[in-house]
Amino acid sequence: MRVVKKIKICIFLTILSGVASSAFALNDVSISGEMDVVATLHNLPTRDQGTLAFSIPSLLLDVEGPLKEGNEFFVQLESSENRDATSKRYNTQLRKGYLSLTSFLSPQSEVRLGLIPDFWVEIEKEGWDYSFWGMNSYLPMIRYKYSSWSDLGVMYQTEFGDDWGLWAISASNGEGLDSDELGARKEFQILAGITKAAPIYFVISYVQGAYDLYDNSFNAKTRLLTHLSYEADRGTLALEYYQTKDPANAMTTLGIAGGVDVTALAGTSVSGQGASLFGKLKVSQKWALFARGDSLNPVKSDSKKNLQAVMAGTSYELTSDVMMALSYDSTQYGEQFSVSPRDVSRFVFATRAVF
C-alpha cells in the first residue's frame, strides 16, 4: 500500500511536469507552500497536565500555473494534517484542485471548476492570520466542522460596480473534500462582500443544501454567515455570527459542533448558532498581540449544550517568511454538552514558514 501511494504521487508529479512543459515554459509555474511546526504544553484535562507534544499540524504545497488566454490551474497538496492510525506515517491528500477560467468573462470575473475552496472560508482566512497550530486555531466553520476547506463543484464570482465589493455563487456536492458524494441533492452558496465603507467591511453568505442519507422531513442543511470588521494599519477587530441547521444524525456521524451529544434528538433537525470575536493589535512592525473568543450554542433549545473557547497570545515575524506565535487557549463545555465533557486548556508555541 505504501508503494502504491508513492507511485501515485510520482505519476501525478510526472503528469503535472509534462503538462507544464508542453503547454508553457516550466518557469511560468509558481510553486509555494507552508510548513507549521508546533510545541504544545497541555494543562487540562488533568490527566494530560504537563505533557509536552511536538507536531507538524499542516504542510501545504501549492502549484499554480497559467493556461492559454489568461486561464489558470491551481493545485494544493496537504500533508501532516491527518496521520495514519496504523503506520503513524503522514498522509498526503489533495485539498484543492481547480481550473480558474476568465478568458470568456468580463474583467474581474472568474469561474472555478473542480475541487473548489469554500469561498467564505477563503475570505475569512485572509483576515484571521493565526490558523497554523491545528484544529483549535482554525476558523469557526472549520474548527466546529460546519464547513469543509473545499468541495467538488463550480463557482462564479465577480465584482459589484462602483467599488462596492464582490459577490459569488457556487454549487457543490455538499459533502466536503473527504467524501465521494454521488447523491442527487447538491449544496448552493451565495456570498456578498461589501467594501464601499472601507476600512469597515461586511460579508454575508447563505448556504442551502440537504443530506442524501436522511428523510426529507429533517435532512436540510443551512448556514447563515455574517462578518463585520474594522481593519486599520495598527490592527483589526472582527465579529462573526452564524446560524446553522443540520440533522442530529449527521451531527453525530460527522462530529459537527465539537462532538456535541445530540443522540436523543435523532430523527430531527437541529438549529444552532454561534459567534466569534477576534482582535489583533500591531505593537511594532514585527510584533503583534491577538485574542479571539468563540461562543457556540449548537442546540438552540438547550443552553446546557454550549461551548466557550478563548485564545490569546503574541506573534513575532522573525523574517518576512517566518512567523512565531505563543498562545494560550481554553475550551469550556456546558454540563450536558457530551456524555462526559472535559474542559481543555494548553499553551502553544507555533512557527509558520512560507516558501
Protein backbone atom coordinates (compact mmCIF):
# COMPACT_ATOMS: atom_id res chain seq x y z
CA MET A 1 0.00 0.00 0.00
CA ARG A 2 2.82 2.41 0.83
CA VAL A 3 4.47 1.65 -2.52
CA VAL A 4 1.19 2.29 -4.33
CA LYS A 5 0.81 5.68 -2.63
CA LYS A 6 4.34 6.67 -3.61
CA ILE A 7 3.73 5.58 -7.20
CA LYS A 8 0.52 7.62 -7.36
CA ILE A 9 2.30 10.75 -6.16
CA CYS A 10 5.16 10.23 -8.63
CA ILE A 11 2.73 9.72 -11.50
CA PHE A 12 0.84 12.88 -10.51
CA LEU A 13 4.01 14.98 -10.42
CA THR A 14 5.24 13.48 -13.70
CA ILE A 15 1.96 14.28 -15.46
CA LEU A 16 1.97 17.77 -13.97
CA SER A 17 5.52 18.37 -15.21
CA GLY A 18 4.60 17.05 -18.65
CA VAL A 19 1.56 19.28 -18.92
CA ALA A 20 3.55 22.29 -17.77
CA SER A 21 6.42 21.74 -20.19
CA SER A 22 4.15 21.09 -23.17
CA ALA A 23 1.74 23.97 -22.66
CA PHE A 24 4.07 26.71 -21.44
CA ALA A 25 7.51 27.30 -20.03
CA LEU A 26 8.13 25.45 -16.79
CA ASN A 27 9.43 28.61 -15.14
CA ASP A 28 5.93 30.07 -15.51
CA VAL A 29 4.68 27.61 -12.90
CA SER A 30 4.52 29.04 -9.39
CA ILE A 31 5.32 26.63 -6.54
CA SER A 32 4.81 27.78 -2.97
CA GLY A 33 3.82 26.30 0.33
CA GLU A 34 3.59 26.43 4.09
CA MET A 35 5.05 24.37 6.93
CA ASP A 36 3.79 24.65 10.51
CA VAL A 37 5.74 23.29 13.49
CA VAL A 38 4.11 23.28 16.94
CA ALA A 39 5.05 22.54 20.54
CA THR A 40 2.05 22.10 22.87
CA LEU A 41 2.11 22.05 26.68
CA HIS A 42 -1.17 20.62 27.96
CA ASN A 43 -2.84 21.93 31.11
CA LEU A 44 -6.34 20.42 31.09
CA PRO A 45 -7.72 17.80 31.30
CA THR A 46 -5.78 16.89 34.43
CA ARG A 47 -4.66 13.52 33.07
CA ASP A 48 -2.69 15.34 30.34
CA GLN A 49 -1.33 18.11 32.56
CA GLY A 50 2.36 18.79 31.96
CA THR A 51 2.52 16.73 28.77
CA LEU A 52 4.64 18.31 26.05
CA ALA A 53 3.94 17.29 22.46
CA PHE A 54 5.60 18.28 19.18
CA SER A 55 3.70 18.16 15.91
CA ILE A 56 3.53 19.33 12.32
CA PRO A 57 -0.21 20.04 12.03
CA SER A 58 -0.01 21.23 8.44
CA LEU A 59 2.34 21.02 5.48
CA LEU A 60 0.99 22.54 2.27
CA LEU A 61 2.35 22.60 -1.27
CA ASP A 62 0.73 24.93 -3.81
CA VAL A 63 1.22 24.64 -7.56
CA GLU A 64 -0.22 27.37 -9.78
CA GLY A 65 0.30 27.71 -13.50
CA PRO A 66 -1.04 29.63 -16.49
CA LEU A 67 -3.11 28.18 -19.29
CA LYS A 68 -3.77 29.87 -22.61
CA GLU A 69 -5.69 33.15 -22.88
CA GLY A 70 -5.33 34.06 -19.22
CA ASN A 71 -6.83 30.94 -17.67
CA GLU A 72 -5.02 29.16 -14.82
CA PHE A 73 -4.91 25.94 -12.82
CA PHE A 74 -4.33 25.64 -9.09
CA VAL A 75 -3.43 22.56 -7.02
CA GLN A 76 -2.85 22.35 -3.27
CA LEU A 77 -1.47 19.21 -1.63
CA GLU A 78 -1.74 18.75 2.12
CA SER A 79 0.34 16.51 4.39
CA SER A 80 0.58 16.07 8.16
CA GLU A 81 -2.96 17.19 8.84
CA ASN A 82 -4.07 13.59 9.31
CA ARG A 83 -1.89 10.68 10.37
CA ASP A 84 -2.50 7.04 9.54
CA ALA A 85 -3.53 5.30 12.77
CA THR A 86 -1.66 2.10 11.91
CA SER A 87 1.61 3.19 10.34
CA LYS A 88 1.85 6.60 12.06
CA ARG A 89 3.13 7.95 8.75
CA TYR A 90 1.86 11.22 7.38
CA ASN A 91 -0.79 11.07 4.68
CA THR A 92 -0.91 13.30 1.63
CA GLN A 93 -4.15 14.37 0.01
CA LEU A 94 -5.48 16.90 -2.46
CA ARG A 95 -7.02 19.80 -0.55
CA LYS A 96 -7.78 21.98 -3.58
CA GLY A 97 -7.53 21.43 -7.32
CA TYR A 98 -9.42 23.58 -9.78
CA LEU A 99 -9.38 25.45 -13.07
CA SER A 100 -9.70 29.23 -12.98
CA LEU A 101 -11.39 30.35 -16.20
CA THR A 102 -11.51 34.03 -17.12
CA SER A 103 -10.94 34.20 -20.89
CA PHE A 104 -14.63 34.30 -21.83
CA LEU A 105 -15.74 36.59 -18.99
CA SER A 106 -15.77 40.30 -18.31
CA PRO A 107 -12.83 41.76 -16.35
CA GLN A 108 -12.73 40.98 -12.60
CA SER A 109 -14.88 37.86 -13.09
CA GLU A 110 -13.92 34.21 -12.70
CA VAL A 111 -15.33 30.69 -12.94
CA ARG A 112 -13.76 27.92 -10.86
CA LEU A 113 -14.27 24.25 -11.71
CA GLY A 114 -13.10 21.21 -9.74
CA LEU A 115 -12.23 20.79 -6.08
CA ILE A 116 -13.00 24.41 -5.29
CA PRO A 117 -12.30 26.15 -1.96
CA ASP A 118 -15.20 27.24 0.20
CA PHE A 119 -15.33 30.94 -0.66
CA TRP A 120 -16.48 32.03 2.81
CA VAL A 121 -13.59 30.16 4.41
CA GLU A 122 -11.16 31.57 1.85
CA ILE A 123 -12.18 35.16 2.58
CA GLU A 124 -12.23 34.71 6.37
CA LYS A 125 -8.80 33.08 6.36
CA GLU A 126 -7.31 36.25 4.89
CA GLY A 127 -8.42 38.20 7.97
CA TRP A 128 -7.63 35.54 10.58
CA ASP A 129 -3.88 35.08 10.23
CA TYR A 130 -3.36 32.64 13.11
CA SER A 131 -4.57 29.27 11.83
CA PHE A 132 -1.22 27.48 11.94
CA TRP A 133 -1.29 25.35 15.09
CA GLY A 134 -4.00 22.83 14.37
CA MET A 135 -7.75 22.47 14.75
CA ASN A 136 -8.18 24.80 17.74
CA SER A 137 -6.70 27.70 15.76
CA TYR A 138 -8.85 27.21 12.66
CA LEU A 139 -11.76 29.41 11.65
CA PRO A 140 -15.02 28.59 13.50
CA MET A 141 -16.65 27.00 10.45
CA ILE A 142 -13.69 24.62 10.07
CA ARG A 143 -12.93 24.08 13.76
CA TYR A 144 -16.50 23.04 14.53
CA LYS A 145 -16.86 21.16 11.23
CA TYR A 146 -19.76 23.17 9.87
CA SER A 147 -17.82 23.61 6.61
CA SER A 148 -15.03 21.94 4.68
CA TRP A 149 -11.92 23.51 3.16
CA SER A 150 -13.18 22.60 -0.31
CA ASP A 151 -15.70 20.58 -2.25
CA LEU A 152 -16.27 19.32 -5.78
CA GLY A 153 -18.31 21.83 -7.73
CA VAL A 154 -18.39 25.09 -9.68
CA MET A 155 -18.27 28.72 -8.58
CA TYR A 156 -18.74 32.07 -10.29
CA GLN A 157 -17.51 35.30 -8.75
CA THR A 158 -17.45 38.89 -9.94
CA GLU A 159 -17.33 42.43 -8.61
CA PHE A 160 -20.11 44.91 -7.95
CA GLY A 161 -19.81 48.17 -9.80
CA ASP A 162 -18.52 51.41 -8.30
CA ASP A 163 -16.14 49.64 -5.87
CA TRP A 164 -18.95 48.22 -3.75
CA GLY A 165 -17.26 44.84 -3.39
CA LEU A 166 -17.86 41.38 -4.83
CA TRP A 167 -20.37 38.57 -4.94
CA ALA A 168 -20.20 34.86 -5.72
CA ILE A 169 -22.45 31.86 -6.20
CA SER A 170 -21.48 28.20 -6.13
CA ALA A 171 -22.96 24.72 -6.49
CA SER A 172 -21.19 21.72 -4.99
CA ASN A 173 -21.70 18.14 -3.86
CA GLY A 174 -22.09 19.39 -0.31
CA GLU A 175 -20.18 16.66 1.48
CA GLY A 176 -16.71 18.21 1.56
CA LEU A 177 -13.39 17.06 0.16
CA ASP A 178 -13.32 13.80 2.14
CA SER A 179 -16.44 12.32 0.54
CA ASP A 180 -17.30 10.94 -2.90
CA GLU A 181 -20.84 12.29 -2.89
CA LEU A 182 -22.95 10.75 -5.64
CA GLY A 183 -26.40 11.72 -4.40
CA ALA A 184 -28.82 13.88 -6.33
CA ARG A 185 -29.00 16.65 -3.74
CA LYS A 186 -26.44 19.43 -4.01
CA GLU A 187 -25.39 22.43 -1.96
CA PHE A 188 -25.69 26.05 -3.06
CA GLN A 189 -23.93 29.06 -1.60
CA ILE A 190 -24.35 32.74 -2.33
CA LEU A 191 -21.99 35.33 -0.86
CA ALA A 192 -21.61 39.09 -0.95
CA GLY A 193 -18.73 41.18 0.37
CA ILE A 194 -19.19 44.92 0.83
CA THR A 195 -16.06 47.11 0.75
CA LYS A 196 -17.56 50.52 -0.05
CA ALA A 197 -17.34 51.67 3.58
CA ALA A 198 -13.65 50.72 3.98
CA PRO A 199 -11.99 50.36 6.47
CA ILE A 200 -15.29 48.80 7.63
CA TYR A 201 -16.07 45.56 5.79
CA PHE A 202 -19.17 43.37 5.75
CA VAL A 203 -19.56 39.84 4.36
CA ILE A 204 -22.73 37.74 4.31
CA SER A 205 -23.25 34.23 2.99
CA TYR A 206 -26.17 31.82 2.80
CA VAL A 207 -25.83 28.07 2.23
CA GLN A 208 -28.71 25.76 1.34
CA GLY A 209 -28.30 22.02 0.93
CA ALA A 210 -29.60 18.64 2.01
CA TYR A 211 -28.19 15.31 3.15
CA ASP A 212 -29.00 12.31 0.96
CA LEU A 213 -28.89 9.75 3.78
CA TYR A 214 -31.86 11.04 5.77
CA ASP A 215 -35.59 11.54 5.37
CA ASN A 216 -36.78 14.70 3.64
CA SER A 217 -38.52 15.83 6.82
CA PHE A 218 -35.23 16.52 8.62
CA ASN A 219 -32.39 16.38 6.07
CA ALA A 220 -31.96 20.13 5.46
CA LYS A 221 -28.55 21.77 5.79
CA THR A 222 -28.43 25.56 6.06
CA ARG A 223 -25.86 28.17 7.05
CA LEU A 224 -26.38 31.90 7.51
CA LEU A 225 -22.98 33.54 7.99
CA THR A 226 -22.20 37.19 8.70
CA HIS A 227 -18.93 39.04 9.25
CA LEU A 228 -18.31 42.65 10.27
CA SER A 229 -14.79 44.01 10.67
CA TYR A 230 -12.77 47.17 11.09
CA GLU A 231 -9.30 46.95 9.56
CA ALA A 232 -6.65 49.62 10.11
CA ASP A 233 -2.87 49.79 9.80
CA ARG A 234 -2.41 49.20 13.54
CA GLY A 235 -4.87 46.35 13.89
CA THR A 236 -8.12 44.55 13.18
CA LEU A 237 -11.35 43.96 15.09
CA ALA A 238 -13.83 41.46 13.63
CA LEU A 239 -17.13 39.91 14.68
CA GLU A 240 -18.60 36.79 13.09
CA TYR A 241 -22.13 35.49 13.74
CA TYR A 242 -23.69 32.39 12.23
CA GLN A 243 -26.82 30.25 12.34
CA THR A 244 -26.89 26.57 11.40
CA LYS A 245 -29.30 23.72 10.78
CA ASP A 246 -28.41 20.02 10.39
CA PRO A 247 -29.96 16.61 11.07
CA ALA A 248 -28.98 15.37 14.52
CA ASN A 249 -27.88 12.11 12.88
CA ALA A 250 -25.42 13.96 10.62
CA MET A 251 -24.03 15.95 13.55
CA THR A 252 -23.26 12.72 15.38
CA THR A 253 -21.80 10.89 12.37
CA LEU A 254 -19.65 13.79 11.14
CA GLY A 255 -18.64 15.17 14.55
CA ILE A 256 -20.20 18.56 13.85
CA ALA A 257 -20.16 21.22 16.58
CA GLY A 258 -17.23 19.91 18.57
CA GLY A 259 -18.73 16.49 19.24
CA VAL A 260 -21.89 17.68 20.98
CA ASP A 261 -24.16 14.84 22.12
CA VAL A 262 -27.44 15.04 20.17
CA THR A 263 -28.27 11.32 20.10
CA ALA A 264 -31.52 12.00 21.96
CA LEU A 265 -32.59 14.22 19.04
CA ALA A 266 -32.04 11.58 16.34
CA GLY A 267 -34.55 11.85 13.53
CA THR A 268 -34.98 15.60 13.94
CA SER A 269 -33.43 18.77 12.59
CA VAL A 270 -31.22 20.73 14.99
CA SER A 271 -30.77 24.51 14.83
CA GLY A 272 -27.70 26.17 16.31
CA GLN A 273 -25.92 29.49 16.47
CA GLY A 274 -22.53 30.88 17.32
CA ALA A 275 -20.37 33.98 17.39
CA SER A 276 -16.67 34.73 17.26
CA LEU A 277 -14.86 37.95 18.19
CA PHE A 278 -11.30 38.48 17.02
CA GLY A 279 -8.84 41.29 17.61
CA LYS A 280 -5.27 41.97 16.53
CA LEU A 281 -3.05 44.87 17.60
CA LYS A 282 0.30 45.64 15.99
CA VAL A 283 2.74 46.77 18.68
CA SER A 284 5.54 47.23 16.17
CA GLN A 285 6.28 46.34 12.58
CA LYS A 286 7.02 42.72 13.55
CA TRP A 287 5.35 42.22 16.92
CA ALA A 288 1.59 41.86 17.45
CA LEU A 289 -0.93 40.85 20.12
CA PHE A 290 -4.04 38.85 19.29
CA ALA A 291 -7.12 37.43 21.01
CA ARG A 292 -10.19 35.50 19.95
CA GLY A 293 -13.32 34.30 21.71
CA ASP A 294 -15.84 31.75 20.39
CA SER A 295 -19.32 31.13 21.75
CA LEU A 296 -21.15 28.15 20.28
CA ASN A 297 -24.69 27.01 21.06
CA PRO A 298 -25.13 24.05 18.69
CA VAL A 299 -28.61 23.26 20.07
CA LYS A 300 -30.60 26.46 20.48
CA SER A 301 -33.23 24.76 22.59
CA ASP A 302 -30.69 23.56 25.19
CA SER A 303 -28.45 26.15 26.88
CA LYS A 304 -26.58 23.38 28.73
CA LYS A 305 -25.04 22.16 25.47
CA ASN A 306 -22.95 25.26 24.85
CA LEU A 307 -19.23 25.77 24.30
CA GLN A 308 -16.98 28.72 25.13
CA ALA A 309 -13.45 29.00 23.73
CA VAL A 310 -10.83 31.68 24.35
CA MET A 311 -7.46 32.17 22.68
CA ALA A 312 -4.90 34.90 23.37
CA GLY A 313 -1.23 35.39 22.62
CA THR A 314 1.51 37.25 20.83
CA SER A 315 3.24 36.81 17.48
CA TYR A 316 6.56 37.90 16.06
CA GLU A 317 7.69 37.97 12.43
CA LEU A 318 11.20 36.61 12.60
CA THR A 319 11.64 37.25 8.87
CA SER A 320 9.29 38.03 6.01
CA ASP A 321 8.60 34.30 5.60
CA VAL A 322 8.75 33.00 9.20
CA MET A 323 6.26 33.88 11.94
CA MET A 324 6.31 32.63 15.54
CA ALA A 325 3.40 32.72 17.96
CA LEU A 326 2.94 31.98 21.65
CA SER A 327 -0.68 31.34 22.57
CA TYR A 328 -2.88 30.13 25.41
CA ASP A 329 -6.23 28.62 24.55
CA SER A 330 -9.02 27.25 26.70
CA THR A 331 -12.28 25.49 25.82
CA GLN A 332 -15.09 25.10 28.36
CA TYR A 333 -18.11 22.88 27.80
CA GLY A 334 -21.64 23.04 29.15
CA GLU A 335 -22.54 20.42 31.73
CA GLN A 336 -24.60 18.43 29.21
CA PHE A 337 -22.51 19.11 26.11
CA SER A 338 -21.50 15.47 25.83
CA VAL A 339 -21.56 12.28 27.91
CA SER A 340 -18.51 13.31 29.93
CA PRO A 341 -17.46 16.85 28.94
CA ARG A 342 -13.96 17.85 30.00
CA ASP A 343 -12.57 21.34 29.73
CA VAL A 344 -9.37 21.70 27.72
CA SER A 345 -6.56 24.24 28.04
CA ARG A 346 -3.00 24.43 26.78
CA PHE A 347 -0.03 26.61 25.89
CA VAL A 348 1.15 26.57 22.28
CA PHE A 349 4.39 27.71 20.67
CA ALA A 350 3.99 27.62 16.90
CA THR A 351 6.18 28.50 13.95
CA ARG A 352 4.93 29.04 10.40
CA ALA A 353 7.26 29.16 7.42
CA VAL A 354 6.01 30.08 3.95
CA PHE A 355 8.05 29.41 0.85
